[in-house]
PDB file of all heavy atoms in Angstrom:
ATOM      1  N   VAL A   1     -16.226  34.385-171.868  1.00  0.00           N
ATOM      2  CA  VAL A   1     -14.969  34.221-172.591  1.00  0.00           C
ATOM      3  C   VAL A   1     -14.004  35.341-172.248  1.00  0.00           C
ATOM      4  O   VAL A   1     -12.813  35.129-172.045  1.00  0.00           O
ATOM      5  CB  VAL A   1     -15.222  34.174-174.114  1.00  0.00           C
ATOM      6  CG1 VAL A   1     -13.907  34.227-174.882  1.00  0.00           C
ATOM      7  CG2 VAL A   1     -15.994  32.911-174.478  1.00  0.00           C
ATOM      8  N   GLN A   2     -14.518  36.575-172.166  1.00  0.00           N
ATOM      9  CA  GLN A   2     -13.653  37.710-171.844  1.00  0.00           C
ATOM     10  C   GLN A   2     -13.053  37.558-170.454  1.00  0.00           C
ATOM     11  O   GLN A   2     -11.873  37.877-170.238  1.00  0.00           O
ATOM     12  CB  GLN A   2     -14.459  39.013-171.921  1.00  0.00           C
ATOM     13  CG  GLN A   2     -13.606  40.269-171.772  1.00  0.00           C
ATOM     14  CD  GLN A   2     -12.560  40.385-172.845  1.00  0.00           C
ATOM     15  OE1 GLN A   2     -12.883  40.340-174.029  1.00  0.00           O
ATOM     16  NE2 GLN A   2     -11.303  40.520-172.470  1.00  0.00           N
ATOM     17  N   ARG A   3     -13.846  37.051-169.498  1.00  0.00           N
ATOM     18  CA  ARG A   3     -13.315  36.847-168.144  1.00  0.00           C
ATOM     19  C   ARG A   3     -12.198  35.812-168.148  1.00  0.00           C
ATOM     20  O   ARG A   3     -11.202  35.948-167.443  1.00  0.00           O
ATOM     21  CB  ARG A   3     -14.442  36.399-167.203  1.00  0.00           C
ATOM     22  CG  ARG A   3     -15.408  37.516-166.809  1.00  0.00           C
ATOM     23  CD  ARG A   3     -16.257  37.132-165.609  1.00  0.00           C
ATOM     24  NE  ARG A   3     -17.111  35.985-165.889  1.00  0.00           N
ATOM     25  CZ  ARG A   3     -18.330  36.071-166.393  1.00  0.00           C
ATOM     26  NH1 ARG A   3     -18.833  37.262-166.706  1.00  0.00           N
ATOM     27  NH2 ARG A   3     -19.043  34.995-166.617  1.00  0.00           N
ATOM     28  N   ILE A   4     -12.361  34.765-168.951  1.00  0.00           N
ATOM     29  CA  ILE A   4     -11.320  33.734-169.048  1.00  0.00           C
ATOM     30  C   ILE A   4     -10.046  34.314-169.637  1.00  0.00           C
ATOM     31  O   ILE A   4      -8.943  34.099-169.137  1.00  0.00           O
ATOM     32  CB  ILE A   4     -11.817  32.549-169.899  1.00  0.00           C
ATOM     33  CG1 ILE A   4     -12.969  31.832-169.184  1.00  0.00           C
ATOM     34  CG2 ILE A   4     -10.677  31.575-170.184  1.00  0.00           C
ATOM     35  CD1 ILE A   4     -13.653  30.773-170.030  1.00  0.00           C
ATOM     36  N   VAL A   5     -10.195  35.087-170.731  1.00  0.00           N
ATOM     37  CA  VAL A   5      -9.024  35.692-171.374  1.00  0.00           C
ATOM     38  C   VAL A   5      -8.328  36.652-170.427  1.00  0.00           C
ATOM     39  O   VAL A   5      -7.102  36.654-170.301  1.00  0.00           O
ATOM     40  CB  VAL A   5      -9.443  36.424-172.670  1.00  0.00           C
ATOM     41  CG1 VAL A   5      -8.278  37.236-173.231  1.00  0.00           C
ATOM     42  CG2 VAL A   5      -9.924  35.424-173.705  1.00  0.00           C
ATOM     43  N   ASP A   6      -9.099  37.474-169.734  1.00  0.00           N
ATOM     44  CA  ASP A   6      -8.506  38.413-168.782  1.00  0.00           C
ATOM     45  C   ASP A   6      -7.746  37.682-167.695  1.00  0.00           C
ATOM     46  O   ASP A   6      -6.669  38.111-167.259  1.00  0.00           O
ATOM     47  CB  ASP A   6      -9.599  39.273-168.146  1.00  0.00           C
ATOM     48  CG  ASP A   6     -10.186  40.274-169.129  1.00  0.00           C
ATOM     49  OD1 ASP A   6      -9.548  40.517-170.172  1.00  0.00           O
ATOM     50  OD2 ASP A   6     -11.275  40.805-168.837  1.00  0.00           O
ATOM     51  N   GLY A   7      -8.290  36.551-167.263  1.00  0.00           N
ATOM     52  CA  GLY A   7      -7.610  35.769-166.229  1.00  0.00           C
ATOM     53  C   GLY A   7      -6.293  35.204-166.718  1.00  0.00           C
ATOM     54  O   GLY A   7      -5.304  35.180-165.988  1.00  0.00           O
ATOM     55  N   LEU A   8      -6.264  34.773-167.995  1.00  0.00           N
ATOM     56  CA  LEU A   8      -5.020  34.251-168.554  1.00  0.00           C
ATOM     57  C   LEU A   8      -3.963  35.328-168.630  1.00  0.00           C
ATOM     58  O   LEU A   8      -2.793  35.105-168.317  1.00  0.00           O
ATOM     59  CB  LEU A   8      -5.284  33.676-169.956  1.00  0.00           C
ATOM     60  CG  LEU A   8      -6.106  32.383-170.014  1.00  0.00           C
ATOM     61  CD1 LEU A   8      -6.427  32.033-171.457  1.00  0.00           C
ATOM     62  CD2 LEU A   8      -5.347  31.233-169.351  1.00  0.00           C
ATOM     63  N   PHE A   9      -4.352  36.552-169.035  1.00  0.00           N
ATOM     64  CA  PHE A   9      -3.376  37.637-169.125  1.00  0.00           C
ATOM     65  C   PHE A   9      -2.863  38.015-167.747  1.00  0.00           C
ATOM     66  O   PHE A   9      -1.690  38.312-167.573  1.00  0.00           O
ATOM     67  CB  PHE A   9      -3.984  38.858-169.815  1.00  0.00           C
ATOM     68  CG  PHE A   9      -3.874  38.795-171.303  1.00  0.00           C
ATOM     69  CD1 PHE A   9      -4.994  38.634-172.099  1.00  0.00           C
ATOM     70  CD2 PHE A   9      -2.642  38.878-171.916  1.00  0.00           C
ATOM     71  CE1 PHE A   9      -4.883  38.561-173.469  1.00  0.00           C
ATOM     72  CE2 PHE A   9      -2.522  38.810-173.298  1.00  0.00           C
ATOM     73  CZ  PHE A   9      -3.644  38.652-174.064  1.00  0.00           C
ATOM     74  N   ARG A  10      -3.762  37.995-166.751  1.00  0.00           N
ATOM     75  CA  ARG A  10      -3.307  38.297-165.391  1.00  0.00           C
ATOM     76  C   ARG A  10      -2.312  37.252-164.923  1.00  0.00           C
ATOM     77  O   ARG A  10      -1.332  37.557-164.252  1.00  0.00           O
ATOM     78  CB  ARG A  10      -4.506  38.372-164.441  1.00  0.00           C
ATOM     79  CG  ARG A  10      -5.288  39.681-164.542  1.00  0.00           C
ATOM     80  CD  ARG A  10      -6.193  39.864-163.348  1.00  0.00           C
ATOM     81  NE  ARG A  10      -7.221  38.833-163.301  1.00  0.00           N
ATOM     82  CZ  ARG A  10      -8.396  38.942-163.906  1.00  0.00           C
ATOM     83  NH1 ARG A  10      -8.680  40.012-164.621  1.00  0.00           N
ATOM     84  NH2 ARG A  10      -9.286  37.976-163.807  1.00  0.00           N
ATOM     85  N   GLY A  11      -2.559  36.002-165.306  1.00  0.00           N
ATOM     86  CA  GLY A  11      -1.628  34.948-164.931  1.00  0.00           C
ATOM     87  C   GLY A  11      -0.275  35.133-165.569  1.00  0.00           C
ATOM     88  O   GLY A  11       0.763  34.920-164.957  1.00  0.00           O
ATOM     89  N   ASP A  12      -0.272  35.567-166.856  1.00  0.00           N
ATOM     90  CA  ASP A  12       0.993  35.823-167.543  1.00  0.00           C
ATOM     91  C   ASP A  12       1.755  36.947-166.884  1.00  0.00           C
ATOM     92  O   ASP A  12       2.973  36.895-166.720  1.00  0.00           O
ATOM     93  CB  ASP A  12       0.729  36.183-169.012  1.00  0.00           C
ATOM     94  CG  ASP A  12       0.312  34.968-169.824  1.00  0.00           C
ATOM     95  OD1 ASP A  12       0.551  33.837-169.359  1.00  0.00           O
ATOM     96  OD2 ASP A  12      -0.245  35.170-170.912  1.00  0.00           O
ATOM     97  N   GLU A  13       1.038  37.995-166.464  1.00  0.00           N
ATOM     98  CA  GLU A  13       1.701  39.125-165.830  1.00  0.00           C
ATOM     99  C   GLU A  13       2.314  38.709-164.495  1.00  0.00           C
ATOM    100  O   GLU A  13       3.398  39.145-164.131  1.00  0.00           O
ATOM    101  CB  GLU A  13       0.706  40.257-165.621  1.00  0.00           C
ATOM    102  CG  GLU A  13       0.311  40.952-166.917  1.00  0.00           C
ATOM    103  CD  GLU A  13      -0.670  42.082-166.678  1.00  0.00           C
ATOM    104  OE1 GLU A  13      -1.577  41.906-165.833  1.00  0.00           O
ATOM    105  OE2 GLU A  13      -0.510  43.124-167.317  1.00  0.00           O
ATOM    106  N   MET A  14       1.598  37.836-163.760  1.00  0.00           N
ATOM    107  CA  MET A  14       2.134  37.358-162.490  1.00  0.00           C
ATOM    108  C   MET A  14       3.388  36.537-162.718  1.00  0.00           C
ATOM    109  O   MET A  14       4.353  36.612-161.958  1.00  0.00           O
ATOM    110  CB  MET A  14       1.074  36.526-161.755  1.00  0.00           C
ATOM    111  CG  MET A  14      -0.100  37.362-161.242  1.00  0.00           C
ATOM    112  SD  MET A  14      -1.381  36.340-160.505  1.00  0.00           S
ATOM    113  CE  MET A  14      -0.498  35.670-159.113  1.00  0.00           C
ATOM    114  N   ALA A  15       3.403  35.740-163.801  1.00  0.00           N
ATOM    115  CA  ALA A  15       4.576  34.923-164.098  1.00  0.00           C
ATOM    116  C   ALA A  15       5.769  35.803-164.408  1.00  0.00           C
ATOM    117  O   ALA A  15       6.894  35.526-163.984  1.00  0.00           O
ATOM    118  CB  ALA A  15       4.285  33.991-165.286  1.00  0.00           C
ATOM    119  N   VAL A  16       5.537  36.885-165.160  1.00  0.00           N
ATOM    120  CA  VAL A  16       6.629  37.804-165.459  1.00  0.00           C
ATOM    121  C   VAL A  16       7.123  38.477-164.195  1.00  0.00           C
ATOM    122  O   VAL A  16       8.309  38.673-163.982  1.00  0.00           O
ATOM    123  CB  VAL A  16       6.164  38.863-166.489  1.00  0.00           C
ATOM    124  CG1 VAL A  16       7.210  39.952-166.644  1.00  0.00           C
ATOM    125  CG2 VAL A  16       5.892  38.201-167.824  1.00  0.00           C
ATOM    126  N   ALA A  17       6.176  38.845-163.309  1.00  0.00           N
ATOM    127  CA  ALA A  17       6.564  39.510-162.069  1.00  0.00           C
ATOM    128  C   ALA A  17       7.395  38.593-161.184  1.00  0.00           C
ATOM    129  O   ALA A  17       8.272  39.042-160.444  1.00  0.00           O
ATOM    130  CB  ALA A  17       5.311  39.964-161.318  1.00  0.00           C
ATOM    131  N   ASP A  18       7.133  37.278-161.249  1.00  0.00           N
ATOM    132  CA  ASP A  18       7.863  36.327-160.417  1.00  0.00           C
ATOM    133  C   ASP A  18       9.216  35.964-161.005  1.00  0.00           C
ATOM    134  O   ASP A  18      10.043  35.356-160.342  1.00  0.00           O
ATOM    135  CB  ASP A  18       7.045  35.030-160.249  1.00  0.00           C
ATOM    136  CG  ASP A  18       5.810  35.266-159.394  1.00  0.00           C
ATOM    137  OD1 ASP A  18       5.815  36.252-158.624  1.00  0.00           O
ATOM    138  OD2 ASP A  18       4.851  34.481-159.506  1.00  0.00           O
ATOM    139  N   ALA A  19       9.440  36.321-162.273  1.00  0.00           N
ATOM    140  CA  ALA A  19      10.715  36.019-162.924  1.00  0.00           C
ATOM    141  C   ALA A  19      11.803  36.932-162.379  1.00  0.00           C
ATOM    142  O   ALA A  19      11.517  37.930-161.721  1.00  0.00           O
ATOM    143  CB  ALA A  19      10.582  36.197-164.431  1.00  0.00           C
ATOM    144  N   PRO A  20      13.107  36.602-162.608  1.00  0.00           N
ATOM    145  CA  PRO A  20      14.191  37.479-162.180  1.00  0.00           C
ATOM    146  C   PRO A  20      13.949  38.890-162.688  1.00  0.00           C
ATOM    147  O   PRO A  20      13.480  39.088-163.811  1.00  0.00           O
ATOM    148  CB  PRO A  20      15.431  36.856-162.840  1.00  0.00           C
ATOM    149  CG  PRO A  20      15.074  35.414-162.991  1.00  0.00           C
ATOM    150  CD  PRO A  20      13.591  35.397-163.274  1.00  0.00           C
ATOM    151  N   SER A  21      14.292  39.891-161.889  1.00  0.00           N
ATOM    152  CA  SER A  21      13.890  41.261-162.155  1.00  0.00           C
ATOM    153  C   SER A  21      14.308  41.765-163.514  1.00  0.00           C
ATOM    154  O   SER A  21      13.617  42.543-164.135  1.00  0.00           O
ATOM    155  CB  SER A  21      14.457  42.189-161.080  1.00  0.00           C
ATOM    156  OG  SER A  21      15.875  42.168-161.097  1.00  0.00           O
ATOM    157  N   ASP A  22      15.441  41.366-164.035  1.00  0.00           N
ATOM    158  CA  ASP A  22      15.839  41.880-165.339  1.00  0.00           C
ATOM    159  C   ASP A  22      16.200  40.785-166.339  1.00  0.00           C
ATOM    160  O   ASP A  22      16.516  41.071-167.483  1.00  0.00           O
ATOM    161  CB  ASP A  22      17.031  42.841-165.199  1.00  0.00           C
ATOM    162  CG  ASP A  22      18.236  42.198-164.552  1.00  0.00           C
ATOM    163  OD1 ASP A  22      18.283  40.960-164.458  1.00  0.00           O
ATOM    164  OD2 ASP A  22      19.130  42.932-164.154  1.00  0.00           O
ATOM    165  N   GLY A  23      16.195  39.552-165.922  1.00  0.00           N
ATOM    166  CA  GLY A  23      16.436  38.456-166.849  1.00  0.00           C
ATOM    167  C   GLY A  23      17.873  38.334-167.289  1.00  0.00           C
ATOM    168  O   GLY A  23      18.194  37.549-168.167  1.00  0.00           O
ATOM    169  N   ARG A  24      18.795  39.087-166.701  1.00  0.00           N
ATOM    170  CA  ARG A  24      20.163  39.078-167.191  1.00  0.00           C
ATOM    171  C   ARG A  24      20.895  37.774-166.872  1.00  0.00           C
ATOM    172  O   ARG A  24      21.929  37.486-167.450  1.00  0.00           O
ATOM    173  CB  ARG A  24      20.929  40.270-166.587  1.00  0.00           C
ATOM    174  CG  ARG A  24      20.366  41.599-167.071  1.00  0.00           C
ATOM    175  CD  ARG A  24      21.092  42.759-166.455  1.00  0.00           C
ATOM    176  NE  ARG A  24      20.367  43.991-166.742  1.00  0.00           N
ATOM    177  CZ  ARG A  24      20.717  45.175-166.275  1.00  0.00           C
ATOM    178  NH1 ARG A  24      21.776  45.299-165.501  1.00  0.00           N
ATOM    179  NH2 ARG A  24      20.026  46.246-166.571  1.00  0.00           N
ATOM    180  N   ASP A  25      20.365  36.971-165.949  1.00  0.00           N
ATOM    181  CA  ASP A  25      21.009  35.700-165.665  1.00  0.00           C
ATOM    182  C   ASP A  25      20.965  34.784-166.881  1.00  0.00           C
ATOM    183  O   ASP A  25      21.803  33.921-167.052  1.00  0.00           O
ATOM    184  CB  ASP A  25      20.352  35.015-164.460  1.00  0.00           C
ATOM    185  CG  ASP A  25      18.872  34.783-164.671  1.00  0.00           C
ATOM    186  OD1 ASP A  25      18.217  35.623-165.323  1.00  0.00           O
ATOM    187  OD2 ASP A  25      18.372  33.772-164.167  1.00  0.00           O
ATOM    188  N   HIS A  26      19.966  34.990-167.763  1.00  0.00           N
ATOM    189  CA  HIS A  26      19.885  34.172-168.970  1.00  0.00           C
ATOM    190  C   HIS A  26      21.096  34.412-169.864  1.00  0.00           C
ATOM    191  O   HIS A  26      21.502  33.529-170.614  1.00  0.00           O
ATOM    192  CB  HIS A  26      18.615  34.517-169.750  1.00  0.00           C
ATOM    193  CG  HIS A  26      17.365  34.101-169.047  1.00  0.00           C
ATOM    194  ND1 HIS A  26      16.875  32.823-169.102  1.00  0.00           N
ATOM    195  CD2 HIS A  26      16.516  34.789-168.249  1.00  0.00           C
ATOM    196  CE1 HIS A  26      15.770  32.738-168.391  1.00  0.00           C
ATOM    197  NE2 HIS A  26      15.529  33.918-167.868  1.00  0.00           N
ATOM    198  N   ALA A  27      21.633  35.604-169.809  1.00  0.00           N
ATOM    199  CA  ALA A  27      22.745  35.940-170.693  1.00  0.00           C
ATOM    200  C   ALA A  27      23.986  35.120-170.382  1.00  0.00           C
ATOM    201  O   ALA A  27      24.863  34.962-171.222  1.00  0.00           O
ATOM    202  CB  ALA A  27      23.080  37.436-170.571  1.00  0.00           C
ATOM    203  N   GLU A  28      24.081  34.586-169.167  1.00  0.00           N
ATOM    204  CA  GLU A  28      25.244  33.789-168.795  1.00  0.00           C
ATOM    205  C   GLU A  28      25.331  32.516-169.626  1.00  0.00           C
ATOM    206  O   GLU A  28      26.386  31.898-169.726  1.00  0.00           O
ATOM    207  CB  GLU A  28      25.176  33.445-167.300  1.00  0.00           C
ATOM    208  CG  GLU A  28      25.252  34.690-166.407  1.00  0.00           C
ATOM    209  CD  GLU A  28      25.052  34.341-164.942  1.00  0.00           C
ATOM    210  OE1 GLU A  28      24.872  33.130-164.649  1.00  0.00           O
ATOM    211  OE2 GLU A  28      25.079  35.243-164.106  1.00  0.00           O
ATOM    212  N   ASN A  29      24.188  32.129-170.220  1.00  0.00           N
ATOM    213  CA  ASN A  29      24.178  30.917-171.030  1.00  0.00           C
ATOM    214  C   ASN A  29      24.513  31.181-172.492  1.00  0.00           C
ATOM    215  O   ASN A  29      24.488  30.265-173.309  1.00  0.00           O
ATOM    216  CB  ASN A  29      22.786  30.263-170.961  1.00  0.00           C
ATOM    217  CG  ASN A  29      22.462  29.803-169.564  1.00  0.00           C
ATOM    218  OD1 ASN A  29      23.330  29.288-168.870  1.00  0.00           O
ATOM    219  ND2 ASN A  29      21.216  29.989-169.148  1.00  0.00           N
ATOM    220  N   ALA A  30      24.796  32.422-172.832  1.00  0.00           N
ATOM    221  CA  ALA A  30      25.116  32.754-174.222  1.00  0.00           C
ATOM    222  C   ALA A  30      26.394  32.061-174.641  1.00  0.00           C
ATOM    223  O   ALA A  30      27.341  31.931-173.880  1.00  0.00           O
ATOM    224  CB  ALA A  30      25.266  34.268-174.383  1.00  0.00           C
ATOM    225  N   ALA A  31      26.403  31.620-175.877  1.00  0.00           N
ATOM    226  CA  ALA A  31      27.582  30.928-176.384  1.00  0.00           C
ATOM    227  C   ALA A  31      28.713  31.915-176.614  1.00  0.00           C
ATOM    228  O   ALA A  31      28.506  33.118-176.728  1.00  0.00           O
ATOM    229  CB  ALA A  31      27.241  30.222-177.700  1.00  0.00           C
ATOM    230  N   ALA A  32      29.937  31.366-176.718  1.00  0.00           N
ATOM    231  CA  ALA A  32      31.101  32.215-176.968  1.00  0.00           C
ATOM    232  C   ALA A  32      30.937  32.905-178.309  1.00  0.00           C
ATOM    233  O   ALA A  32      30.330  32.385-179.220  1.00  0.00           O
ATOM    234  CB  ALA A  32      32.364  31.359-176.981  1.00  0.00           C
ATOM    235  N   GLY A  33      31.532  34.076-178.419  1.00  0.00           N
ATOM    236  CA  GLY A  33      31.424  34.824-179.669  1.00  0.00           C
ATOM    237  C   GLY A  33      30.697  36.126-179.472  1.00  0.00           C
ATOM    238  O   GLY A  33      30.412  36.833-180.421  1.00  0.00           O
ATOM    239  N   GLY A  34      30.413  36.510-178.255  1.00  0.00           N
ATOM    240  CA  GLY A  34      29.758  37.781-177.999  1.00  0.00           C
ATOM    241  C   GLY A  34      28.774  37.655-176.863  1.00  0.00           C
ATOM    242  O   GLY A  34      28.014  36.709-176.793  1.00  0.00           O
TER     243      GLY A  34
END
């Protein structure tokens, strides 16, 4: 079970690493008002 859990966390970390470096492109979708 621990090996499975560790594998899932490693997968999550890889997904974050593959995401845009700072995520600021998401901010372009913010609604008007700030």
